[in-house]
Protein backbone atom coordinates (compact mmCIF):
# COMPACT_ATOMS: atom_id res chain seq x y z
CA MET A 1 -260.56 -50.43 -133.87
CA SER A 2 -258.72 -48.15 -136.21
CA THR A 3 -260.28 -47.47 -139.59
CA SER A 4 -257.60 -45.07 -140.76
CA LEU A 5 -257.49 -46.52 -144.27
CA SER A 6 -256.88 -44.43 -147.34
CA LEU A 7 -259.97 -42.39 -148.21
CA ALA A 8 -259.00 -41.68 -151.81
CA PRO A 9 -260.07 -44.56 -154.06
CA THR A 10 -256.98 -46.11 -155.65
CA ARG A 11 -257.39 -48.70 -158.37
CA LYS A 12 -255.29 -51.71 -157.44
CA PRO A 13 -256.60 -54.60 -159.57
CA ALA A 14 -253.75 -56.79 -158.37
CA ALA A 15 -255.01 -56.72 -154.74
CA PRO A 16 -258.33 -58.56 -155.22
CA LEU A 17 -256.71 -60.93 -157.71
CA LEU A 18 -253.91 -61.74 -155.27
CA ALA A 19 -256.41 -62.25 -152.43
CA PHE A 20 -258.53 -64.55 -154.60
CA ILE A 21 -255.51 -66.60 -155.71
CA LEU A 22 -254.26 -66.96 -152.14
CA LEU A 23 -257.70 -68.02 -150.92
CA ILE A 24 -258.01 -70.64 -153.66
CA ALA A 25 -254.48 -71.92 -153.02
CA GLY A 26 -255.15 -72.02 -149.27
CA ALA A 27 -258.42 -73.87 -149.78
CA LEU A 28 -256.78 -76.48 -152.02
CA PHE A 29 -253.95 -76.96 -149.54
CA LEU A 30 -256.30 -77.31 -146.58
CA GLN A 31 -258.54 -79.72 -148.47
CA SER A 32 -255.59 -82.00 -149.21
CA THR A 33 -253.96 -81.81 -145.77
CA VAL A 34 -256.76 -81.30 -143.23
CA GLY A 35 -260.20 -81.57 -144.80
CA ALA A 36 -263.30 -79.77 -145.99
CA ARG A 37 -264.23 -78.34 -142.59
CA GLN A 38 -260.98 -76.38 -142.43
CA VAL A 39 -261.64 -75.06 -145.95
CA LEU A 40 -265.06 -73.81 -144.86
CA LEU A 41 -263.53 -72.13 -141.80
CA LEU A 42 -261.05 -70.34 -144.08
CA VAL A 43 -264.00 -69.13 -146.16
CA VAL A 44 -265.86 -67.98 -143.04
CA GLY A 45 -262.73 -66.13 -141.94
CA ALA A 46 -262.50 -64.41 -145.33
CA ALA A 47 -266.17 -63.44 -145.10
CA LEU A 48 -265.50 -61.97 -141.66
CA GLY A 49 -262.59 -59.94 -143.04
CA LEU A 50 -264.69 -58.62 -145.92
CA THR A 51 -267.54 -57.76 -143.54
CA LEU A 52 -265.28 -55.98 -141.05
CA TYR A 53 -263.64 -53.94 -143.81
CA HIS A 54 -266.71 -52.97 -145.83
CA ALA A 55 -268.73 -52.08 -142.74
CA ALA A 56 -265.69 -50.43 -141.10
CA PHE A 57 -266.99 -52.27 -138.05
CA GLY A 58 -264.88 -50.75 -135.33
CA PHE A 59 -264.81 -51.66 -131.67
CA THR A 60 -261.91 -49.31 -130.91
CA SER A 61 -263.14 -46.38 -132.98
CA ALA A 62 -266.76 -46.89 -131.87
CA TRP A 63 -265.78 -46.70 -128.22
CA ARG A 64 -263.46 -43.75 -128.81
CA VAL A 65 -266.05 -41.56 -130.54
CA PHE A 66 -268.56 -42.35 -127.81
CA ILE A 67 -266.11 -41.51 -125.03
CA LYS A 68 -264.94 -38.30 -126.73
CA ASP A 69 -268.01 -37.07 -128.61
CA ARG A 70 -270.97 -39.13 -127.33
CA ARG A 71 -271.63 -40.48 -130.81
CA GLY A 72 -273.16 -43.90 -130.22
CA ALA A 73 -273.88 -45.45 -133.64
CA GLY A 74 -271.00 -47.91 -133.27
CA LEU A 75 -272.10 -49.01 -129.81
CA ARG A 76 -275.68 -49.44 -130.99
CA ALA A 77 -274.45 -51.60 -133.86
CA GLN A 78 -272.59 -53.76 -131.35
CA MET A 79 -275.81 -54.20 -129.37
CA VAL A 80 -277.60 -55.30 -132.57
CA MET A 81 -274.77 -57.75 -133.24
CA LEU A 82 -275.03 -59.18 -129.72
CA ALA A 83 -278.83 -59.37 -129.86
CA VAL A 84 -278.79 -61.38 -133.09
CA ALA A 85 -276.01 -63.56 -131.70
CA VAL A 86 -277.79 -64.53 -128.47
CA LEU A 87 -281.00 -65.29 -130.38
CA LEU A 88 -279.00 -67.76 -132.45
CA PHE A 89 -276.58 -69.05 -129.82
CA PHE A 90 -278.61 -69.55 -126.67
CA PRO A 91 -281.01 -72.20 -128.04
CA ALA A 92 -278.09 -74.15 -129.52
CA LEU A 93 -276.00 -73.89 -126.36
CA GLY A 94 -278.99 -74.83 -124.23
CA ALA A 95 -279.51 -77.95 -126.33
CA GLY A 96 -275.78 -78.69 -126.46
CA THR A 97 -275.92 -79.53 -130.16
CA LEU A 98 -276.24 -77.68 -133.47
CA PHE A 99 -277.12 -79.56 -136.65
CA GLY A 100 -276.24 -82.78 -134.82
CA GLN A 101 -272.79 -81.61 -133.69
CA PRO A 102 -271.91 -80.98 -130.03
CA VAL A 103 -271.31 -77.29 -129.31
CA VAL A 104 -269.94 -75.40 -126.31
CA GLY A 105 -269.71 -71.71 -125.51
CA LEU A 106 -266.65 -69.68 -124.59
CA VAL A 107 -267.28 -69.54 -120.84
CA ALA A 108 -264.45 -68.62 -118.48
CA PRO A 109 -263.92 -67.62 -114.83
CA ALA A 110 -264.47 -63.96 -113.98
CA GLY A 111 -261.83 -62.65 -111.62
CA VAL A 112 -258.80 -60.46 -111.09
CA SER A 113 -257.02 -61.63 -114.25
CA VAL A 114 -260.04 -60.79 -116.42
CA VAL A 115 -260.47 -57.33 -114.88
CA PHE A 116 -256.79 -56.41 -115.19
CA GLY A 117 -256.34 -58.07 -118.59
CA ALA A 118 -259.39 -56.41 -120.11
CA PHE A 119 -258.40 -53.04 -118.62
CA ILE A 120 -254.93 -53.02 -120.18
CA PHE A 121 -256.39 -54.47 -123.39
CA GLY A 122 -258.68 -51.41 -123.50
CA ILE A 123 -255.70 -49.07 -123.18
CA GLY A 124 -253.92 -51.07 -125.87
CA MET A 125 -256.89 -50.71 -128.22
CA GLN A 126 -256.52 -46.93 -128.26
CA LEU A 127 -252.71 -46.85 -128.42
CA GLY A 128 -252.35 -49.74 -130.85
CA GLY A 129 -255.10 -48.32 -133.04
CA GLY A 130 -257.27 -51.42 -133.09
CA CYS A 131 -258.55 -54.48 -131.29
CA ALA A 132 -257.90 -58.08 -132.32
CA SER A 133 -260.28 -58.12 -135.28
CA GLY A 134 -259.35 -54.53 -136.14
CA THR A 135 -255.65 -55.34 -136.26
CA LEU A 136 -256.24 -58.19 -138.70
CA PHE A 137 -258.65 -56.44 -141.04
CA THR A 138 -256.60 -53.23 -141.21
CA VAL A 139 -253.44 -55.23 -141.92
CA GLY A 140 -255.32 -56.91 -144.77
CA GLY A 141 -256.53 -53.49 -145.91
CA GLY A 142 -252.96 -52.26 -146.28
CA ASN A 143 -252.31 -50.39 -143.02
CA ALA A 144 -248.55 -50.81 -142.49
CA ARG A 145 -248.62 -49.37 -138.97
CA MET A 146 -250.94 -52.15 -137.89
CA LEU A 147 -248.29 -54.70 -138.90
CA VAL A 148 -246.23 -53.27 -136.03
CA THR A 149 -249.20 -53.55 -133.68
CA LEU A 150 -249.74 -57.16 -134.81
CA LEU A 151 -246.08 -58.09 -134.30
CA PHE A 152 -246.08 -56.80 -130.73
CA PHE A 153 -249.57 -58.21 -130.15
CA ILE A 154 -248.00 -61.61 -130.82
CA CYS A 155 -245.03 -60.80 -128.54
CA GLY A 156 -247.34 -59.71 -125.71
CA SER A 157 -249.42 -62.86 -126.09
CA LEU A 158 -246.33 -65.06 -125.88
CA ILE A 159 -244.98 -63.24 -122.80
CA ALA A 160 -248.34 -63.64 -121.08
CA THR A 161 -248.32 -67.42 -121.55
CA HIS A 162 -245.24 -67.51 -119.30
CA HIS A 163 -247.18 -65.80 -116.49
CA VAL A 164 -250.82 -66.87 -116.80
CA ASP A 165 -250.60 -69.69 -114.26
CA TRP A 166 -249.87 -67.02 -111.61
CA TRP A 167 -252.65 -64.73 -112.86
CA PHE A 168 -255.20 -67.55 -113.12
CA ALA A 169 -254.50 -68.52 -109.50
CA LEU A 170 -255.75 -65.12 -108.28
CA PRO A 171 -259.30 -64.83 -106.83
CA ALA A 172 -262.06 -65.44 -109.38
CA LEU A 173 -265.66 -66.52 -109.64
CA PRO A 174 -266.12 -69.90 -111.32
CA ALA A 175 -266.99 -70.04 -115.00
CA MET A 176 -270.71 -69.31 -115.18
CA SER A 177 -273.17 -69.24 -118.06
CA ILE A 178 -276.54 -67.54 -117.61
CA VAL A 179 -277.95 -70.04 -120.11
CA LYS A 180 -277.13 -72.84 -117.68
CA LEU A 181 -278.07 -70.83 -114.60
CA PHE A 182 -281.43 -69.43 -115.70
CA GLY A 183 -282.45 -71.38 -118.79
CA VAL A 184 -282.59 -70.29 -122.42
CA VAL A 185 -285.66 -68.03 -122.38
CA PRO A 186 -284.89 -66.08 -119.16
CA ALA A 187 -281.28 -65.65 -120.30
CA LEU A 188 -282.49 -64.33 -123.65
CA VAL A 189 -284.92 -61.87 -122.09
CA LEU A 190 -282.31 -60.60 -119.62
CA SER A 191 -279.68 -60.15 -122.32
CA LEU A 192 -282.00 -58.40 -124.77
CA VAL A 193 -283.21 -56.00 -122.07
CA VAL A 194 -279.61 -55.06 -121.21
CA PHE A 195 -278.70 -54.57 -124.89
CA ALA A 196 -281.76 -52.36 -125.38
CA ALA A 197 -280.94 -50.35 -122.27
CA ILE A 198 -277.38 -49.70 -123.46
CA ALA A 199 -278.60 -48.70 -126.93
CA LEU A 200 -281.24 -46.35 -125.49
CA LEU A 201 -278.66 -44.80 -123.18
CA THR A 202 -276.40 -44.01 -126.14
CA VAL A 203 -279.36 -42.43 -127.96
CA ARG A 204 -280.19 -40.26 -124.97
CA LEU A 205 -276.59 -39.12 -124.44
CA GLU A 206 -276.00 -38.47 -128.14
CA LYS A 207 -279.15 -36.37 -128.47
CA ALA A 208 -278.30 -34.49 -125.28
CA ARG A 209 -274.89 -33.59 -126.72
CA HIS A 210 -275.75 -33.04 -130.40
CA GLY A 211 -279.52 -32.63 -130.62
CA GLN A 212 -279.90 -35.46 -133.12
CA LEU A 213 -278.39 -38.78 -134.06
CA GLU A 214 -275.57 -38.95 -136.56
CA GLU A 215 -276.56 -39.98 -140.08
CA GLY A 216 -275.35 -43.33 -141.37
CA VAL A 217 -272.72 -43.87 -144.02
CA THR A 218 -273.79 -43.39 -147.65
CA SER A 219 -272.43 -44.87 -150.85
CA GLU A 220 -272.47 -44.04 -154.54
CA HIS A 221 -273.05 -47.74 -155.17
CA GLN A 222 -276.33 -49.62 -154.80
CA GLY A 223 -277.39 -53.26 -154.61
CA LEU A 224 -274.76 -55.85 -155.53
CA ARG A 225 -272.16 -53.19 -156.36
CA ARG A 226 -272.44 -51.80 -152.84
CA PHE A 227 -272.21 -55.29 -151.39
CA LEU A 228 -268.99 -55.92 -153.30
CA ARG A 229 -267.38 -52.49 -153.08
CA GLY A 230 -268.85 -50.95 -149.90
CA PRO A 231 -269.12 -49.07 -147.72
CA TRP A 232 -271.84 -50.96 -145.87
CA PRO A 233 -274.25 -49.61 -143.26
CA LEU A 234 -273.18 -50.60 -139.76
CA VAL A 235 -276.25 -52.77 -139.30
CA TRP A 236 -275.17 -54.93 -142.26
CA GLY A 237 -271.88 -55.52 -140.49
CA ALA A 238 -273.59 -56.24 -137.17
CA ILE A 239 -275.89 -58.87 -138.65
CA GLY A 240 -273.15 -60.31 -140.85
CA LEU A 241 -270.75 -60.79 -137.94
CA ALA A 242 -273.44 -62.48 -135.83
CA LEU A 243 -274.36 -64.87 -138.63
CA LEU A 244 -270.73 -65.69 -139.39
CA ASN A 245 -270.03 -66.32 -135.69
CA TYR A 246 -272.98 -68.72 -135.73
CA ALA A 247 -271.46 -70.44 -138.77
CA THR A 248 -268.22 -70.76 -136.79
CA LEU A 249 -270.14 -72.37 -133.92
CA ALA A 250 -271.68 -74.86 -136.33
CA LEU A 251 -268.38 -75.73 -138.03
CA ALA A 252 -265.93 -75.57 -135.13
CA GLY A 253 -268.23 -76.57 -132.27
CA ARG A 254 -267.37 -73.35 -130.43
CA PRO A 255 -267.67 -69.61 -131.17
CA TRP A 256 -265.28 -67.30 -132.99
CA GLY A 257 -261.96 -66.42 -131.34
CA ILE A 258 -258.82 -64.67 -132.55
CA THR A 259 -255.98 -64.21 -130.09
CA SER A 260 -255.15 -67.79 -129.09
CA ALA A 261 -253.56 -68.04 -132.53
CA PHE A 262 -251.27 -65.09 -131.78
CA ALA A 263 -249.90 -66.87 -128.70
CA LEU A 264 -249.45 -70.03 -130.77
CA TRP A 265 -247.59 -68.20 -133.55
CA GLY A 266 -245.28 -66.61 -130.99
CA ALA A 267 -244.65 -69.97 -129.36
CA LYS A 268 -243.90 -71.60 -132.71
CA VAL A 269 -241.33 -68.92 -133.51
CA ALA A 270 -239.80 -69.13 -130.02
CA SER A 271 -239.55 -72.91 -130.32
CA GLY A 272 -237.82 -72.51 -133.66
CA LEU A 273 -235.30 -70.21 -131.97
CA GLY A 274 -234.53 -72.84 -129.37
CA VAL A 275 -236.79 -71.83 -126.46
CA ASP A 276 -238.13 -74.85 -124.56
CA MET A 277 -241.83 -73.97 -124.62
CA SER A 278 -242.78 -77.35 -123.13
CA SER A 279 -241.39 -76.19 -119.77
CA TRP A 280 -244.00 -73.40 -119.57
CA ALA A 281 -247.13 -74.39 -117.63
CA PHE A 282 -249.45 -72.86 -120.24
CA TRP A 283 -248.01 -75.04 -123.01
CA GLN A 284 -248.25 -78.14 -120.84
CA MET A 285 -252.06 -77.93 -120.84
CA PRO A 286 -253.37 -80.75 -123.08
CA GLY A 287 -255.09 -78.56 -125.67
CA ASN A 288 -252.22 -76.07 -125.87
CA ALA A 289 -249.56 -78.78 -126.01
CA LYS A 290 -251.43 -80.46 -128.85
CA ALA A 291 -251.71 -77.18 -130.78
CA LEU A 292 -248.01 -76.44 -130.30
CA ALA A 293 -247.02 -79.89 -131.57
CA ALA A 294 -249.35 -79.81 -134.60
CA PRO A 295 -248.86 -77.86 -137.86
CA VAL A 296 -250.32 -74.36 -137.68
CA TRP A 297 -252.75 -75.08 -140.54
CA GLU A 298 -254.53 -77.59 -138.31
CA ASP A 299 -255.36 -74.82 -135.82
CA ILE A 300 -258.89 -73.51 -136.42
CA THR A 301 -258.20 -70.01 -135.07
CA SER A 302 -255.03 -69.60 -137.14
CA VAL A 303 -256.81 -70.56 -140.34
CA MET A 304 -259.67 -68.16 -139.63
CA ASP A 305 -257.26 -65.34 -138.76
CA ILE A 306 -255.45 -65.78 -142.07
CA GLY A 307 -258.85 -65.83 -143.78
CA ILE A 308 -259.74 -62.48 -142.13
CA VAL A 309 -256.58 -60.85 -143.52
CA LEU A 310 -257.21 -62.22 -147.01
CA GLY A 311 -260.89 -61.26 -146.90
CA ALA A 312 -259.97 -57.70 -145.93
CA LEU A 313 -257.37 -57.60 -148.72
CA LEU A 314 -260.06 -58.70 -151.15
CA ALA A 315 -262.48 -56.07 -149.84
CA ALA A 316 -259.88 -53.29 -149.97
CA GLY A 317 -259.04 -54.23 -153.54
CA LEU A 318 -262.70 -54.34 -154.60
CA ALA A 319 -263.23 -50.94 -152.98
CA GLY A 320 -260.20 -49.53 -154.78
CA ARG A 321 -258.65 -48.47 -151.47
CA PHE A 322 -255.63 -50.74 -151.13
CA ALA A 323 -252.84 -48.17 -150.80
CA PRO A 324 -250.17 -49.18 -148.24
CA SER A 325 -247.89 -46.47 -146.89
CA LEU A 326 -244.72 -46.87 -144.83
CA LYS A 327 -244.79 -43.28 -143.57
CA ILE A 328 -245.39 -43.78 -139.85
CA PRO A 329 -244.60 -40.94 -137.39
CA MET A 330 -242.22 -42.03 -134.63
CA ARG A 331 -244.64 -41.34 -131.77
CA SER A 332 -247.34 -43.30 -133.57
CA LEU A 333 -244.87 -46.15 -134.02
CA VAL A 334 -244.08 -46.13 -130.30
CA ALA A 335 -247.81 -46.22 -129.54
CA ALA A 336 -248.17 -49.24 -131.83
CA VAL A 337 -245.42 -51.07 -129.93
CA ILE A 338 -246.86 -50.28 -126.49
CA GLY A 339 -250.41 -50.89 -127.62
CA GLY A 340 -249.57 -54.21 -129.23
CA LEU A 341 -247.86 -55.48 -126.08
CA LEU A 342 -250.83 -54.45 -123.92
CA LEU A 343 -253.28 -56.06 -126.34
CA GLY A 344 -251.40 -59.34 -126.40
CA TYR A 345 -250.74 -59.57 -122.69
CA GLY A 346 -254.22 -58.44 -121.73
CA SER A 347 -256.03 -60.84 -124.03
CA ARG A 348 -254.33 -63.89 -122.51
CA LEU A 349 -255.09 -62.77 -118.95
CA ALA A 350 -258.72 -62.03 -119.81
CA TYR A 351 -259.45 -65.33 -121.60
CA GLY A 352 -259.86 -63.51 -124.88
CA CYS A 353 -260.22 -60.21 -126.66
CA ASN A 354 -263.06 -58.09 -128.01
CA ILE A 355 -264.11 -61.17 -130.01
CA GLY A 356 -263.35 -64.20 -127.84
CA ALA A 357 -264.27 -62.59 -124.50
CA TYR A 358 -266.68 -59.77 -125.37
CA PHE A 359 -268.58 -60.85 -128.49
CA SER A 360 -268.38 -64.63 -128.20
CA GLY A 361 -268.30 -64.57 -124.39
CA ILE A 362 -271.55 -62.62 -124.12
CA ALA A 363 -273.04 -64.67 -126.98
CA SER A 364 -272.20 -67.74 -124.89
CA GLY A 365 -273.95 -66.27 -121.84
CA SER A 366 -270.65 -66.06 -119.95
CA LEU A 367 -270.42 -63.72 -116.98
CA HIS A 368 -266.78 -63.03 -117.81
CA GLY A 369 -267.88 -61.43 -121.10
CA TRP A 370 -269.77 -58.73 -119.21
CA VAL A 371 -266.90 -58.21 -116.76
CA TRP A 372 -264.58 -57.87 -119.76
CA LEU A 373 -266.86 -55.25 -121.34
CA VAL A 374 -266.89 -53.01 -118.26
CA ALA A 375 -263.14 -53.29 -117.55
CA ALA A 376 -262.16 -52.83 -121.20
CA PHE A 377 -264.43 -49.79 -121.60
CA ILE A 378 -262.75 -48.16 -118.60
CA GLY A 379 -259.37 -49.00 -120.12
CA ASN A 380 -260.46 -47.38 -123.38
CA GLY A 381 -261.28 -44.23 -121.43
CA VAL A 382 -257.70 -44.16 -120.13
CA GLY A 383 -256.36 -44.91 -123.60
CA VAL A 384 -258.33 -42.05 -125.15
CA ARG A 385 -256.73 -39.65 -122.67
CA LEU A 386 -253.26 -40.99 -123.50
CA ARG A 387 -253.64 -40.76 -127.27
CA PRO A 388 -252.76 -37.03 -127.61
CA PHE A 389 -249.23 -37.82 -126.42
CA PHE A 390 -248.74 -40.12 -129.41
CA PHE A 391 -251.01 -38.83 -132.17
CA ALA A 392 -250.55 -35.33 -133.51
CA GLY A 393 -253.72 -33.31 -133.85
CA GLU A 394 -255.65 -34.97 -131.04
CA ARG A 395 -256.35 -32.57 -128.22
CA PRO A 396 -255.98 -33.69 -124.60
CA GLN A 397 -259.34 -34.68 -123.16
CA VAL A 398 -260.90 -32.76 -120.30
CA ALA A 399 -263.46 -34.29 -117.96
CA LEU A 400 -266.44 -35.50 -119.96
CA ASN A 401 -270.01 -34.55 -119.16
CA GLY A 402 -272.62 -37.19 -118.51
CA CYS A 403 -272.10 -40.91 -118.05
């Protein structure tokens, strides 16, 4: 996930005010047209955007610095996030209810489409400059280049919906949840052991390369001022994202996702341009057909995605770092186009992105979440090696030592 936001604090009092006004207006509109639950999901989305921005919680950048430099703080933060998530999710998913409401995990088949989709998604992360959550929070933070990535992310998602029936027919294991297979406690123990093993491996490799672990981010602000203006320690972001995903489970009845909304937005635009989306097999599925026919503000994922952008805008304004720039080098622009298409196409094939498949998939105990992680990490490795062709100043990567 790219965190290439302006480093020089720039006072933009209009940014947080605009974000606040838009959030209030959105909440009032949703309350009058849909209901209180949708308002709360908008608020959760905004909290996710603020958390992602202030913690600079990067999936793309975290994987890149580990692949290139063996710095593992970002990966360890992801393991903390996943550990907190499974401790919260598994008991609820095992019971099937949370606060009296039925809940289900994001569990999908693990097969060829997931492997290929996650692999090209990983390449797209490095070329596009962000993942799904990263694209949204950096757009909200004022990164104009990521608007290009987002546009082609949407295009890639739409194109994939025309092909997914072929991809989904390829060989695959059935949708499996380790919570259902092994029970809540064994699934928890197994997951926590794997998270710990990955974290310890990153510590070992980082110390072998650098002699010591990298120090965490510091801030001139303390207490409430740091909470409002950032930057946050990575662990704050990890815990915050896990708790907010749990809030999503409680409100929506399923975990956090992002990219299904991108496909829906693309389909809405295509329909408006006269394309008969109802003839596509993907949009004939009951849930998808219903979403396509309904107003976009009734779609949970769309509302949360908009909330993420507005929350990041609010955070960038509070931090004094909202400073959009339209100066985008041509090669970087080309990378954004290619990366966006790969991100969009890959996420549909893989039943989700770094959030829906990786974070929420593993938090749901889904096997496909782990398959996604491995395939996407390999794809990131390829993407890191391709980046020097598009980004000036990045040296071509030679063979890396170690794992």
